[in-house]
Amino acid sequence: MRPAASATTGARRPRPSRVAAQPEPEAAVRRGTWASVLITVGSWGVGWLPMTPDSVFSGTTLLNPLRVYLPGVLLSTVLLAAGSLLLVRSWLELGRALRGRWEEHGRLVARAAWWWSAPLMLALPIFSRDVFSYLQQGRLLASGLDPYSQGVSALPGWFMQGADSIWAESPSPYGPLFLLFAETTWRATGGNIELSVTAFRLLALAGLALCLWAVPRLAAVAGRCGVWATWVAVANPLFLLYMIAGAHNDALMSGLMLAGILLMVRPPRRRVHALWGIVLIALSVAIKPLTALVLPFVALLLPTGWARFRAADPRLRRRDRLGPWFTTAVISLAVLTILGAGSGLWFGWVPAMLTSGDAAFPYAPVGLLGLLLGAVVEAVTPLGARDVAAAFYTAMTVSALGFTAWLALRRRPLDPVFSAAAVLVVAVATAPIVQPWYLLWVLPLLACALRPLPWGADHPRWLGWVTALAVLLLTGVGVVDQLSVAQWLPVLAVRVFTLVLMLAGIGWIIHRDPVTAPLFPGRRRPPLEVVEPRAAAASPTPPEAGVPPDAPPDGPPSTAAHPASSSTRIPQERP
């Protein structure tokens, strides 16, 4: 027999169906801000600090308790590791909290990116010390030397200024516009480390602002959820840690490229806007020349924008390509010529970008293969290992250029934005050097260009947890690999200690944390949230429209139930 109806209501209460406690997005933003504060304080102990008179902090004892003594170093390591993991967790929690109501909280995602970035402005450089190489390359130019033919080792005292010795003999891989900024920074600050790092971070913040402006609008033009694209590509902890805390110029490069593409496709579309879009992309080339690879593809957006390539069969005749390519080449060459003449460097970046110097990373697939091939050939032939590896790397570069040409000349071209992402992926995959932040070149393009699946999901269900796992692992790599520890301390022990902390934290987030564990495979699927009809209609193309009731989270993380306040799960009603 069925149980009697409740005496208080006089009727049988309906069973809860697909109802779950939903994380509060504002709380996730607050936790992420505190995480950034922890990261900043931790950086004061294990962040990069050159031992030079040009640094204010290196000449004081203010940071000695955190940098000189082992307890302070260990405490700083704990703060950096915990803050980094908490930032990733807050990002995932924010995604879960907003699932099904992205459009209602569009400003919240952008605000999260700004709030999480603000404390990092006060951090010592972490996750990379490339910013010191930037400054030294500006010093090269200010000294009348050519950064495209000489490394920073040509300068006296370069090592004390913090530049990584692995790049000491390498030519600059950056464009003339960025080198002009680096020179201006050196002259304006007198080489002061703290002021110079702040200047480069302000440049990264400009890139963040451009990305926050361009990504949601570009996604909206493509018929996707712009707020979700912003969350996954810009409010991403990797972007904030490597671009803002690490002060990388890739932020501005990406921002200019994305803003240029947006001007070329955003309705109401005017040809003058499209031409200005080419100018912005050419400026991104002048920051980091790798974006020159996307020009043949985005040029195809000049005549009609994105609409043609959303058609079923977007065939292009030869003349349909020649006109846009000619226009794009003329504008880009004009911009780069003006900047090259202004800096006195002209096009020295062309041969510089085709070489990595003598550097190769064993954890980069092509870098490892080149090192192994060189060792094997040297063992059985009179050829040197370095020459063999260099020839192999050149061959891989040529193959990447060949792939770019093939993709650009297809009779049935792929989506130009997707093609731009594809050539960047191949360029990274065939390079002897791969850095974690290279993912951020591609992620915004893919977030905007990938088409939703037929049943309404943004992408395959596995892509959500793979992206989350990649963010976790690459964050862990940055923390463990880029610790600045004094030589008189047990460096290896500190790194092992940090590795254990990161592995434990990553394991907790994946397997035990009630907020984040349901996002990964191997856990019971949580019930899905109820989406009110009005809320669902707020977005013209909601990412989760049409998802089967028993499907696991797709795309952005689910706002599914989590036992944060209770261990009791609400059962999911079967149809």
Protein backbone atom coordinates (compact mmCIF):
# COMPACT_ATOMS: atom_id res chain seq x y z
CA MET A 1 0.00 0.00 0.00
CA ARG A 2 1.09 3.51 -0.64
CA PRO A 3 1.78 5.72 2.41
CA ALA A 4 -0.96 8.07 3.45
CA ALA A 5 -0.87 11.64 2.24
CA SER A 6 0.56 14.23 4.57
CA ALA A 7 -1.95 15.41 7.13
CA THR A 8 -0.72 18.97 6.92
CA THR A 9 -1.14 19.35 3.22
CA GLY A 10 -4.06 17.02 2.65
CA ALA A 11 -2.48 15.80 -0.57
CA ARG A 12 0.43 13.66 -1.61
CA ARG A 13 3.61 15.73 -1.88
CA PRO A 14 5.35 15.38 -5.24
CA ARG A 15 8.69 13.67 -5.23
CA PRO A 16 11.61 16.01 -5.88
CA SER A 17 12.85 15.59 -9.40
CA ARG A 18 16.17 16.76 -10.76
CA VAL A 19 16.35 19.35 -8.01
CA ALA A 20 19.64 20.10 -6.37
CA ALA A 21 21.32 22.55 -4.17
CA GLN A 22 23.12 25.00 -6.37
CA PRO A 23 26.43 26.65 -5.45
CA GLU A 24 26.28 30.39 -5.04
CA PRO A 25 28.28 32.12 -7.80
CA GLU A 26 29.08 35.15 -5.66
CA ALA A 27 30.59 32.89 -3.00
CA ALA A 28 32.76 31.23 -5.65
CA VAL A 29 34.02 34.63 -6.76
CA ARG A 30 34.88 35.59 -3.17
CA ARG A 31 36.74 32.33 -2.60
CA GLY A 32 38.67 32.83 -5.81
CA THR A 33 39.69 36.32 -4.69
CA TRP A 34 41.01 34.98 -1.39
CA ALA A 35 42.82 32.28 -3.37
CA SER A 36 44.60 34.99 -5.36
CA VAL A 37 45.59 36.67 -2.08
CA LEU A 38 47.13 33.38 -0.88
CA ILE A 39 49.00 33.03 -4.17
CA THR A 40 50.35 36.56 -3.85
CA VAL A 41 51.58 36.07 -0.29
CA GLY A 42 53.13 32.73 -1.25
CA SER A 43 54.93 34.36 -4.17
CA TRP A 44 56.75 36.67 -1.78
CA GLY A 45 58.60 33.62 -0.49
CA VAL A 46 59.11 31.45 -3.59
CA GLY A 47 58.45 33.81 -6.51
CA TRP A 48 61.25 35.03 -8.77
CA LEU A 49 63.32 37.92 -7.39
CA PRO A 50 66.57 38.95 -9.14
CA MET A 51 69.52 39.70 -6.86
CA THR A 52 70.34 43.04 -8.37
CA PRO A 53 70.64 46.59 -6.99
CA ASP A 54 67.90 47.53 -9.46
CA SER A 55 65.40 45.63 -7.32
CA VAL A 56 63.93 47.26 -4.23
CA PHE A 57 63.10 44.01 -2.43
CA SER A 58 66.43 42.32 -3.10
CA GLY A 59 68.18 45.13 -1.21
CA THR A 60 66.03 44.86 1.92
CA THR A 61 65.48 42.24 4.61
CA LEU A 62 61.70 42.64 4.50
CA LEU A 63 61.10 39.31 2.73
CA ASN A 64 63.91 37.39 4.43
CA PRO A 65 61.63 35.47 6.83
CA LEU A 66 59.86 34.00 3.81
CA ARG A 67 62.81 33.59 1.42
CA VAL A 68 65.92 32.89 3.48
CA TYR A 69 64.79 30.41 6.13
CA LEU A 70 63.38 26.96 5.42
CA PRO A 71 60.18 27.32 7.55
CA GLY A 72 59.28 30.51 5.69
CA VAL A 73 59.95 28.87 2.32
CA LEU A 74 57.80 25.88 3.22
CA LEU A 75 55.01 28.16 4.44
CA SER A 76 55.19 30.14 1.20
CA THR A 77 55.07 26.93 -0.78
CA VAL A 78 51.97 25.78 1.08
CA LEU A 79 50.26 29.14 0.47
CA LEU A 80 51.14 29.12 -3.24
CA ALA A 81 50.00 25.53 -3.74
CA ALA A 82 46.81 25.93 -1.69
CA GLY A 83 45.93 29.22 -3.35
CA SER A 84 46.46 27.82 -6.85
CA LEU A 85 44.29 24.78 -6.14
CA LEU A 86 41.61 26.90 -4.48
CA LEU A 87 41.56 29.22 -7.49
CA VAL A 88 40.96 26.30 -9.84
CA ARG A 89 38.28 24.94 -7.52
CA SER A 90 36.57 28.35 -7.36
CA TRP A 91 36.59 28.52 -11.14
CA LEU A 92 34.98 25.09 -11.42
CA GLU A 93 32.47 25.96 -8.71
CA LEU A 94 31.55 29.16 -10.55
CA GLY A 95 30.92 27.17 -13.70
CA ARG A 96 28.66 24.75 -11.87
CA ALA A 97 26.78 27.56 -10.18
CA LEU A 98 26.05 29.26 -13.50
CA ARG A 99 25.04 26.23 -15.51
CA GLY A 100 21.61 26.79 -16.96
CA ARG A 101 21.66 30.50 -16.16
CA TRP A 102 24.75 31.83 -17.87
CA GLU A 103 23.07 34.80 -19.47
CA GLU A 104 21.71 35.98 -16.13
CA HIS A 105 25.23 36.41 -14.74
CA GLY A 106 27.21 37.65 -17.71
CA ARG A 107 28.85 40.47 -15.79
CA LEU A 108 29.72 38.20 -12.88
CA VAL A 109 32.17 36.14 -14.95
CA ALA A 110 33.99 39.25 -16.15
CA ARG A 111 33.98 40.62 -12.60
CA ALA A 112 35.48 37.36 -11.37
CA ALA A 113 38.34 37.69 -13.85
CA TRP A 114 39.09 41.22 -12.61
CA TRP A 115 38.77 40.39 -8.92
CA TRP A 116 40.96 37.31 -9.25
CA SER A 117 43.57 39.31 -11.19
CA ALA A 118 43.79 42.28 -8.80
CA PRO A 119 45.81 40.64 -5.97
CA LEU A 120 48.17 39.07 -8.50
CA MET A 121 49.38 42.53 -9.49
CA LEU A 122 51.27 42.61 -6.17
CA ALA A 123 52.84 39.17 -6.56
CA LEU A 124 56.44 38.48 -7.41
CA PRO A 125 56.65 36.81 -10.85
CA ILE A 126 55.52 33.21 -10.60
CA PHE A 127 54.99 30.33 -13.03
CA SER A 128 57.65 31.91 -15.28
CA ARG A 129 60.44 34.48 -15.23
CA ASP A 130 60.18 35.45 -18.89
CA VAL A 131 59.31 38.99 -17.80
CA PHE A 132 62.96 39.54 -16.84
CA SER A 133 64.02 38.46 -20.34
CA TYR A 134 61.51 40.96 -21.75
CA LEU A 135 63.21 43.72 -19.78
CA GLN A 136 66.68 42.67 -20.84
CA GLN A 137 65.66 42.61 -24.50
CA GLY A 138 64.41 46.16 -24.06
CA ARG A 139 67.78 46.96 -22.53
CA LEU A 140 69.48 45.45 -25.61
CA LEU A 141 67.50 47.75 -27.89
CA ALA A 142 68.17 50.75 -25.66
CA SER A 143 71.90 49.95 -25.82
CA GLY A 144 71.89 50.07 -29.61
CA LEU A 145 72.12 46.29 -30.06
CA ASP A 146 69.94 44.10 -32.26
CA PRO A 147 67.77 41.69 -30.21
CA TYR A 148 67.22 39.60 -33.35
CA SER A 149 70.92 38.82 -33.75
CA GLN A 150 72.19 38.91 -30.15
CA GLY A 151 71.01 37.34 -26.93
CA VAL A 152 70.83 39.03 -23.56
CA SER A 153 74.20 37.52 -22.65
CA ALA A 154 75.74 40.39 -24.66
CA LEU A 155 74.85 42.69 -21.75
CA PRO A 156 76.94 43.03 -18.59
CA GLY A 157 75.21 41.77 -15.47
CA TRP A 158 72.37 40.13 -17.40
CA PHE A 159 72.26 37.10 -15.11
CA MET A 160 71.84 39.22 -11.99
CA GLN A 161 68.84 40.86 -13.69
CA GLY A 162 66.88 37.61 -13.51
CA ALA A 163 66.84 36.42 -17.14
CA ASP A 164 66.75 32.65 -17.59
CA SER A 165 70.11 31.35 -18.78
CA ILE A 166 68.43 28.96 -21.22
CA TRP A 167 67.57 31.97 -23.42
CA ALA A 168 70.90 33.78 -22.94
CA GLU A 169 72.15 33.09 -26.47
CA SER A 170 68.78 33.05 -28.23
CA PRO A 171 67.51 35.88 -30.42
CA SER A 172 64.29 37.56 -29.40
CA PRO A 173 61.16 35.76 -30.72
CA TYR A 174 59.00 38.86 -30.30
CA GLY A 175 57.79 41.45 -32.75
CA PRO A 176 58.96 45.07 -33.08
CA LEU A 177 55.97 46.58 -31.26
CA PHE A 178 56.62 44.59 -28.12
CA LEU A 179 60.36 45.29 -28.22
CA LEU A 180 59.60 49.01 -28.50
CA PHE A 181 57.44 48.70 -25.39
CA ALA A 182 60.22 46.79 -23.60
CA GLU A 183 62.73 49.49 -24.54
CA THR A 184 60.38 52.24 -23.36
CA THR A 185 59.86 50.38 -20.09
CA TRP A 186 63.61 50.07 -19.52
CA ARG A 187 64.17 53.76 -20.17
CA ALA A 188 61.16 54.95 -18.14
CA THR A 189 61.90 52.83 -15.08
CA GLY A 190 65.68 53.01 -15.19
CA GLY A 191 65.73 49.22 -15.06
CA ASN A 192 63.89 49.07 -11.72
CA ILE A 193 62.60 45.53 -11.44
CA GLU A 194 59.37 46.14 -9.54
CA LEU A 195 58.26 49.05 -11.70
CA SER A 196 59.14 47.15 -14.88
CA VAL A 197 57.19 44.05 -13.84
CA THR A 198 54.20 46.28 -13.05
CA ALA A 199 54.44 47.85 -16.52
CA PHE A 200 54.41 44.46 -18.21
CA ARG A 201 51.49 43.36 -16.05
CA LEU A 202 49.55 46.45 -17.08
CA LEU A 203 50.17 45.36 -20.66
CA ALA A 204 48.79 41.93 -19.77
CA LEU A 205 45.74 43.58 -18.17
CA ALA A 206 45.14 45.39 -21.46
CA GLY A 207 45.14 41.99 -23.13
CA LEU A 208 42.71 40.70 -20.51
CA ALA A 209 40.37 43.62 -21.18
CA LEU A 210 40.46 42.96 -24.93
CA CYS A 211 39.72 39.27 -24.39
CA LEU A 212 36.81 40.05 -22.03
CA TRP A 213 35.40 42.38 -24.69
CA ALA A 214 35.96 40.16 -27.72
CA VAL A 215 35.30 36.57 -26.58
CA PRO A 216 31.64 36.82 -25.52
CA ARG A 217 30.72 38.87 -28.58
CA LEU A 218 32.60 36.57 -30.92
CA ALA A 219 30.84 33.57 -29.39
CA ALA A 220 27.46 35.29 -29.73
CA VAL A 221 28.07 35.89 -33.45
CA ALA A 222 28.79 32.17 -33.79
CA GLY A 223 25.51 31.34 -32.05
CA ARG A 224 27.11 30.13 -28.83
CA CYS A 225 26.84 31.15 -25.20
CA GLY A 226 29.22 34.09 -24.84
CA VAL A 227 29.28 34.00 -21.04
CA TRP A 228 30.28 30.34 -21.03
CA ALA A 229 33.02 31.03 -23.59
CA THR A 230 34.32 33.83 -21.35
CA TRP A 231 34.32 31.52 -18.33
CA VAL A 232 36.18 28.70 -20.03
CA ALA A 233 38.73 30.81 -21.93
CA VAL A 234 39.34 34.09 -20.07
CA ALA A 235 38.33 33.66 -16.42
CA ASN A 236 40.37 30.48 -16.63
CA PRO A 237 42.98 30.16 -13.82
CA LEU A 238 45.65 29.36 -16.41
CA PHE A 239 45.05 32.72 -18.05
CA LEU A 240 45.28 34.60 -14.77
CA LEU A 241 48.28 32.73 -13.38
CA TYR A 242 50.40 32.61 -16.51
CA MET A 243 49.34 35.87 -18.12
CA ILE A 244 48.82 38.22 -15.17
CA ALA A 245 50.98 36.71 -12.41
CA GLY A 246 53.54 35.59 -14.98
CA ALA A 247 53.24 38.89 -16.94
CA HIS A 248 53.36 37.21 -20.36
CA ASN A 249 52.89 39.18 -23.56
CA ASP A 250 50.68 36.39 -24.92
CA ALA A 251 47.71 38.09 -23.24
CA LEU A 252 48.00 41.16 -25.44
CA MET A 253 48.78 39.03 -28.49
CA SER A 254 45.59 37.00 -27.98
CA GLY A 255 43.50 40.06 -27.15
CA LEU A 256 44.49 41.90 -30.33
CA MET A 257 43.93 38.82 -32.47
CA LEU A 258 40.47 38.11 -31.02
CA ALA A 259 39.42 41.77 -31.22
CA GLY A 260 40.53 41.88 -34.86
CA ILE A 261 38.53 38.78 -35.74
CA LEU A 262 35.48 40.21 -33.98
CA LEU A 263 35.63 43.43 -36.02
CA MET A 264 35.65 41.32 -39.17
CA VAL A 265 32.50 39.36 -38.33
CA ARG A 266 30.40 41.41 -35.91
CA PRO A 267 27.09 42.71 -37.34
CA PRO A 268 26.22 45.31 -38.49
CA ARG A 269 29.20 44.65 -40.63
CA ARG A 270 31.01 47.44 -42.43
CA ARG A 271 34.02 46.96 -44.63
CA VAL A 272 35.99 49.64 -42.79
CA HIS A 273 35.54 47.68 -39.56
CA ALA A 274 36.84 44.55 -41.25
CA LEU A 275 39.89 46.44 -42.48
CA TRP A 276 40.57 47.72 -38.97
CA GLY A 277 40.29 44.12 -37.84
CA ILE A 278 43.22 43.25 -40.11
CA VAL A 279 45.18 46.13 -38.56
CA LEU A 280 44.61 44.72 -35.05
CA ILE A 281 45.70 41.24 -36.10
CA ALA A 282 48.82 42.74 -37.71
CA LEU A 283 49.53 44.46 -34.38
CA SER A 284 49.25 41.07 -32.66
CA VAL A 285 51.88 39.80 -35.12
CA ALA A 286 54.04 42.74 -34.02
CA ILE A 287 53.73 41.45 -30.44
CA LYS A 288 54.39 37.79 -31.15
CA PRO A 289 54.84 36.85 -34.83
CA LEU A 290 53.28 33.39 -34.51
CA THR A 291 49.85 34.89 -35.16
CA ALA A 292 50.96 35.53 -38.75
CA LEU A 293 49.85 31.94 -39.35
CA VAL A 294 46.19 32.91 -38.88
CA LEU A 295 46.22 35.71 -41.48
CA PRO A 296 45.49 33.50 -44.55
CA PHE A 297 42.37 32.19 -42.83
CA VAL A 298 40.91 35.28 -41.22
CA ALA A 299 41.45 37.07 -44.54
CA LEU A 300 38.64 34.93 -45.96
CA LEU A 301 36.28 36.67 -43.54
CA LEU A 302 36.76 40.00 -45.35
CA PRO A 303 34.09 39.65 -48.10
CA THR A 304 31.10 38.31 -46.19
CA GLY A 305 32.13 37.67 -42.61
CA TRP A 306 31.24 34.39 -40.97
CA ALA A 307 27.92 33.73 -42.70
CA ARG A 308 29.34 32.05 -45.79
CA PHE A 309 31.25 29.50 -43.77
CA ARG A 310 28.25 28.55 -41.69
CA ALA A 311 26.66 27.24 -44.89
CA ALA A 312 26.57 23.60 -45.80
CA ASP A 313 29.00 23.76 -48.73
CA PRO A 314 31.19 26.90 -48.62
CA ARG A 315 33.20 26.30 -51.80
CA LEU A 316 35.65 28.98 -52.79
CA ARG A 317 37.04 29.73 -56.21
CA ARG A 318 40.61 30.92 -56.65
CA ARG A 319 39.56 34.53 -57.13
CA ASP A 320 37.51 34.34 -53.94
CA ARG A 321 40.78 33.92 -52.11
CA LEU A 322 43.17 36.14 -54.06
CA GLY A 323 41.38 39.42 -53.36
CA PRO A 324 41.12 39.02 -49.56
CA TRP A 325 44.67 37.66 -49.37
CA PHE A 326 46.04 40.61 -51.34
CA THR A 327 44.19 43.15 -49.19
CA THR A 328 45.28 41.45 -45.98
CA ALA A 329 48.90 41.21 -47.13
CA VAL A 330 49.05 44.90 -48.08
CA ILE A 331 47.57 46.11 -44.79
CA SER A 332 49.67 43.76 -42.66
CA LEU A 333 52.90 44.61 -44.47
CA ALA A 334 52.16 48.32 -44.15
CA VAL A 335 51.63 48.04 -40.39
CA LEU A 336 54.70 45.88 -39.84
CA THR A 337 56.86 48.08 -42.07
CA ILE A 338 55.91 51.21 -40.10
CA LEU A 339 56.68 49.47 -36.81
CA GLY A 340 59.87 47.95 -38.18
CA ALA A 341 61.09 51.34 -39.38
CA GLY A 342 60.16 53.00 -36.08
CA SER A 343 62.13 50.46 -34.07
CA GLY A 344 64.99 50.19 -36.57
CA LEU A 345 64.53 46.40 -36.54
CA TRP A 346 62.58 46.07 -39.79
CA PHE A 347 61.81 42.40 -40.46
CA GLY A 348 64.52 40.81 -38.37
CA TRP A 349 61.81 38.83 -36.57
CA VAL A 350 61.24 36.63 -39.66
CA PRO A 351 64.45 34.56 -39.35
CA ALA A 352 64.33 34.82 -35.55
CA MET A 353 60.90 33.19 -35.32
CA LEU A 354 62.06 30.22 -37.41
CA THR A 355 64.58 29.15 -34.81
CA SER A 356 64.47 28.35 -31.13
CA GLY A 357 68.17 28.94 -30.68
CA ASP A 358 69.79 25.96 -29.02
CA ALA A 359 66.84 25.28 -26.72
CA ALA A 360 64.63 22.21 -26.72
CA PHE A 361 62.43 20.84 -23.94
CA PRO A 362 62.42 17.10 -23.24
CA TYR A 363 58.73 17.20 -22.26
CA ALA A 364 57.81 18.65 -25.68
CA PRO A 365 57.21 15.64 -27.98
CA VAL A 366 59.21 17.09 -30.88
CA GLY A 367 61.91 18.36 -28.53
CA LEU A 368 62.31 14.88 -27.02
CA LEU A 369 62.35 13.20 -30.42
CA GLY A 370 65.02 15.61 -31.67
CA LEU A 371 67.23 14.98 -28.64
CA LEU A 372 66.87 11.20 -28.97
CA LEU A 373 67.46 11.25 -32.72
CA GLY A 374 70.56 13.39 -32.30
CA ALA A 375 71.97 11.05 -29.64
CA VAL A 376 71.35 7.94 -31.78
CA VAL A 377 72.83 9.43 -34.96
CA GLU A 378 75.86 10.75 -33.09
CA ALA A 379 76.50 7.28 -31.69
CA VAL A 380 76.66 5.60 -35.12
CA THR A 381 77.83 8.42 -37.44
CA PRO A 382 80.33 11.30 -37.32
CA LEU A 383 77.46 13.80 -37.30
CA GLY A 384 76.96 15.88 -34.18
CA ALA A 385 73.81 15.49 -32.08
CA ARG A 386 73.09 19.22 -32.05
CA ASP A 387 73.22 19.49 -35.87
CA VAL A 388 70.96 16.47 -36.31
CA ALA A 389 68.44 17.81 -33.81
CA ALA A 390 68.48 21.24 -35.46
CA ALA A 391 67.81 19.67 -38.88
CA PHE A 392 64.93 17.67 -37.41
CA TYR A 393 63.39 20.78 -35.83
CA THR A 394 63.69 22.64 -39.14
CA ALA A 395 61.92 19.77 -40.91
CA MET A 396 59.07 19.92 -38.38
CA THR A 397 58.75 23.67 -38.88
CA VAL A 398 58.52 23.16 -42.64
CA SER A 399 55.87 20.49 -42.12
CA ALA A 400 53.81 22.91 -40.00
CA LEU A 401 54.04 25.52 -42.76
CA GLY A 402 53.03 22.86 -45.29
CA PHE A 403 49.96 21.98 -43.24
CA THR A 404 49.05 25.67 -43.09
CA ALA A 405 49.32 25.97 -46.87
CA TRP A 406 47.25 22.84 -47.46
CA LEU A 407 44.52 24.01 -45.11
CA ALA A 408 44.44 27.46 -46.71
CA LEU A 409 44.14 26.08 -50.26
CA ARG A 410 41.36 23.56 -49.67
CA ARG A 411 38.57 23.86 -52.20
CA ARG A 412 36.07 23.34 -49.42
CA PRO A 413 37.56 25.47 -46.65
CA LEU A 414 36.86 24.82 -43.03
CA ASP A 415 35.57 27.52 -40.73
CA PRO A 416 38.34 30.19 -40.83
CA VAL A 417 38.34 30.65 -37.05
CA PHE A 418 38.55 26.91 -36.49
CA SER A 419 41.31 26.70 -39.12
CA ALA A 420 43.23 29.44 -37.30
CA ALA A 421 43.02 27.38 -34.11
CA ALA A 422 44.10 24.23 -35.99
CA VAL A 423 47.27 25.78 -37.43
CA LEU A 424 48.23 27.15 -34.03
CA VAL A 425 47.79 23.68 -32.53
CA VAL A 426 49.99 22.14 -35.23
CA ALA A 427 52.60 24.90 -34.82
CA VAL A 428 52.79 24.16 -31.09
CA ALA A 429 52.79 20.40 -31.57
CA THR A 430 55.70 20.54 -34.04
CA ALA A 431 57.82 22.95 -31.96
CA PRO A 432 60.78 21.78 -29.84
CA ILE A 433 59.54 24.02 -27.04
CA VAL A 434 56.05 23.77 -25.54
CA GLN A 435 54.89 25.93 -22.64
CA PRO A 436 51.67 25.48 -20.62
CA TRP A 437 50.26 28.87 -21.58
CA TYR A 438 50.34 27.98 -25.28
CA LEU A 439 46.95 26.33 -24.68
CA LEU A 440 45.54 29.81 -24.13
CA TRP A 441 46.25 30.79 -27.74
CA VAL A 442 43.82 28.17 -28.96
CA LEU A 443 41.18 27.86 -26.25
CA PRO A 444 39.31 31.12 -27.00
CA LEU A 445 39.17 30.32 -30.72
CA LEU A 446 37.83 26.83 -30.09
CA ALA A 447 35.32 28.07 -27.50
CA CYS A 448 33.87 30.37 -30.17
CA ALA A 449 34.26 28.27 -33.32
CA LEU A 450 33.23 24.74 -32.31
CA ARG A 451 29.66 24.11 -33.34
CA PRO A 452 27.10 22.79 -30.85
CA LEU A 453 26.24 19.11 -31.16
CA PRO A 454 22.95 18.12 -32.83
CA TRP A 455 21.23 17.52 -29.48
CA GLY A 456 22.14 21.01 -28.25
CA ALA A 457 25.24 20.44 -26.13
CA ASP A 458 28.21 22.66 -26.77
CA HIS A 459 30.63 19.82 -27.23
CA PRO A 460 31.21 16.15 -26.36
CA ARG A 461 30.78 15.31 -22.69
CA TRP A 462 34.40 14.28 -22.36
CA LEU A 463 35.66 17.72 -23.37
CA GLY A 464 34.41 19.31 -20.16
CA TRP A 465 36.34 17.10 -17.79
CA VAL A 466 39.40 16.96 -20.05
CA THR A 467 39.58 20.76 -19.99
CA ALA A 468 39.21 20.81 -16.20
CA LEU A 469 41.89 18.14 -15.84
CA ALA A 470 44.26 20.04 -18.15
CA VAL A 471 43.81 23.20 -16.08
CA LEU A 472 44.55 21.29 -12.88
CA LEU A 473 47.65 19.54 -14.24
CA LEU A 474 49.12 22.61 -15.93
CA THR A 475 48.58 24.62 -12.77
CA GLY A 476 50.42 21.92 -10.85
CA VAL A 477 53.28 21.98 -13.37
CA GLY A 478 53.63 25.73 -12.93
CA VAL A 479 53.75 25.54 -9.15
CA VAL A 480 56.25 22.67 -8.91
CA ASP A 481 58.52 23.63 -11.79
CA GLN A 482 58.83 27.37 -11.13
CA LEU A 483 59.83 27.67 -7.49
CA SER A 484 62.61 30.11 -6.69
CA VAL A 485 64.48 28.58 -3.74
CA ALA A 486 67.82 29.75 -2.36
CA GLN A 487 70.77 27.51 -3.18
CA TRP A 488 71.65 26.91 0.46
CA LEU A 489 68.24 25.32 1.08
CA PRO A 490 67.34 21.74 0.08
CA VAL A 491 65.82 22.64 -3.28
CA LEU A 492 64.96 19.06 -4.25
CA ALA A 493 63.23 18.44 -0.93
CA VAL A 494 61.14 21.59 -1.32
CA ARG A 495 60.08 20.57 -4.83
CA VAL A 496 59.17 17.06 -3.67
CA PHE A 497 57.19 18.55 -0.81
CA THR A 498 55.36 20.82 -3.24
CA LEU A 499 54.70 17.94 -5.63
CA VAL A 500 53.11 15.91 -2.84
CA LEU A 501 50.92 18.88 -1.88
CA MET A 502 49.77 19.41 -5.47
CA LEU A 503 49.08 15.73 -6.12
CA ALA A 504 47.08 15.46 -2.91
CA GLY A 505 45.09 18.57 -3.77
CA ILE A 506 44.44 17.48 -7.34
CA GLY A 507 43.37 14.05 -6.11
CA TRP A 508 40.96 15.63 -3.64
CA ILE A 509 39.42 17.89 -6.30
CA ILE A 510 38.96 14.97 -8.71
CA HIS A 511 37.82 12.25 -6.31
CA ARG A 512 36.60 13.62 -2.98
CA ASP A 513 35.49 17.25 -3.22
CA PRO A 514 31.67 17.27 -3.31
CA VAL A 515 31.67 20.39 -5.48
CA THR A 516 34.10 19.28 -8.17
CA ALA A 517 34.35 15.49 -8.08
CA PRO A 518 31.06 14.93 -10.01
CA LEU A 519 32.62 16.70 -12.98
CA PHE A 520 35.09 13.90 -13.59
CA PRO A 521 34.52 10.29 -14.73
CA GLY A 522 34.25 7.51 -12.20
CA ARG A 523 31.72 9.24 -9.95
CA ARG A 524 27.99 8.76 -9.73
CA ARG A 525 26.24 11.19 -11.98
CA PRO A 526 24.59 13.91 -9.92
CA PRO A 527 21.01 14.97 -10.59
CA LEU A 528 20.63 17.88 -12.94
CA GLU A 529 19.15 21.20 -11.97
CA VAL A 530 15.72 22.39 -12.95
CA VAL A 531 15.83 25.20 -15.49
CA GLU A 532 12.83 27.46 -15.47
CA PRO A 533 11.32 28.11 -18.91
CA ARG A 534 11.94 31.85 -18.66
CA ALA A 535 15.55 31.32 -17.60
CA ALA A 536 16.06 28.87 -20.40
CA ALA A 537 14.70 31.32 -22.90
CA ALA A 538 17.04 34.05 -21.72
CA SER A 539 19.75 32.67 -23.95
CA PRO A 540 19.05 32.18 -27.67
CA THR A 541 21.34 29.18 -27.78
CA PRO A 542 21.60 27.72 -24.26
CA PRO A 543 24.55 25.34 -24.08
CA GLU A 544 22.54 22.64 -22.35
CA ALA A 545 19.43 22.71 -24.53
CA GLY A 546 18.23 19.26 -25.41
CA VAL A 547 20.62 17.32 -23.18
CA PRO A 548 19.16 13.91 -22.37
CA PRO A 549 17.96 13.57 -18.75
CA ASP A 550 20.51 10.89 -17.90
CA ALA A 551 23.46 12.54 -19.62
CA PRO A 552 26.47 13.60 -17.56
CA PRO A 553 27.53 17.21 -17.51
CA ASP A 554 28.39 18.65 -20.93
CA GLY A 555 30.52 21.68 -21.61
CA PRO A 556 30.48 23.93 -18.61
CA PRO A 557 30.35 22.09 -15.28
CA SER A 558 26.98 21.11 -13.92
CA THR A 559 25.17 22.78 -11.06
CA ALA A 560 24.32 19.32 -9.90
CA ALA A 561 23.79 18.43 -6.31
CA HIS A 562 26.71 18.26 -4.02
CA PRO A 563 26.63 17.24 -0.35
CA ALA A 564 28.17 20.42 0.94
CA SER A 565 25.66 20.74 3.76
CA SER A 566 24.22 17.23 3.85
CA SER A 567 25.33 13.78 2.86
CA THR A 568 21.83 12.85 1.66
CA ARG A 569 21.34 12.86 -2.10
CA ILE A 570 18.02 13.75 -3.58
CA PRO A 571 16.95 10.89 -5.83
CA GLN A 572 16.54 11.57 -9.52
CA GLU A 573 13.19 10.65 -10.96
CA ARG A 574 13.24 8.30 -13.93
CA PRO A 575 10.94 8.93 -16.85
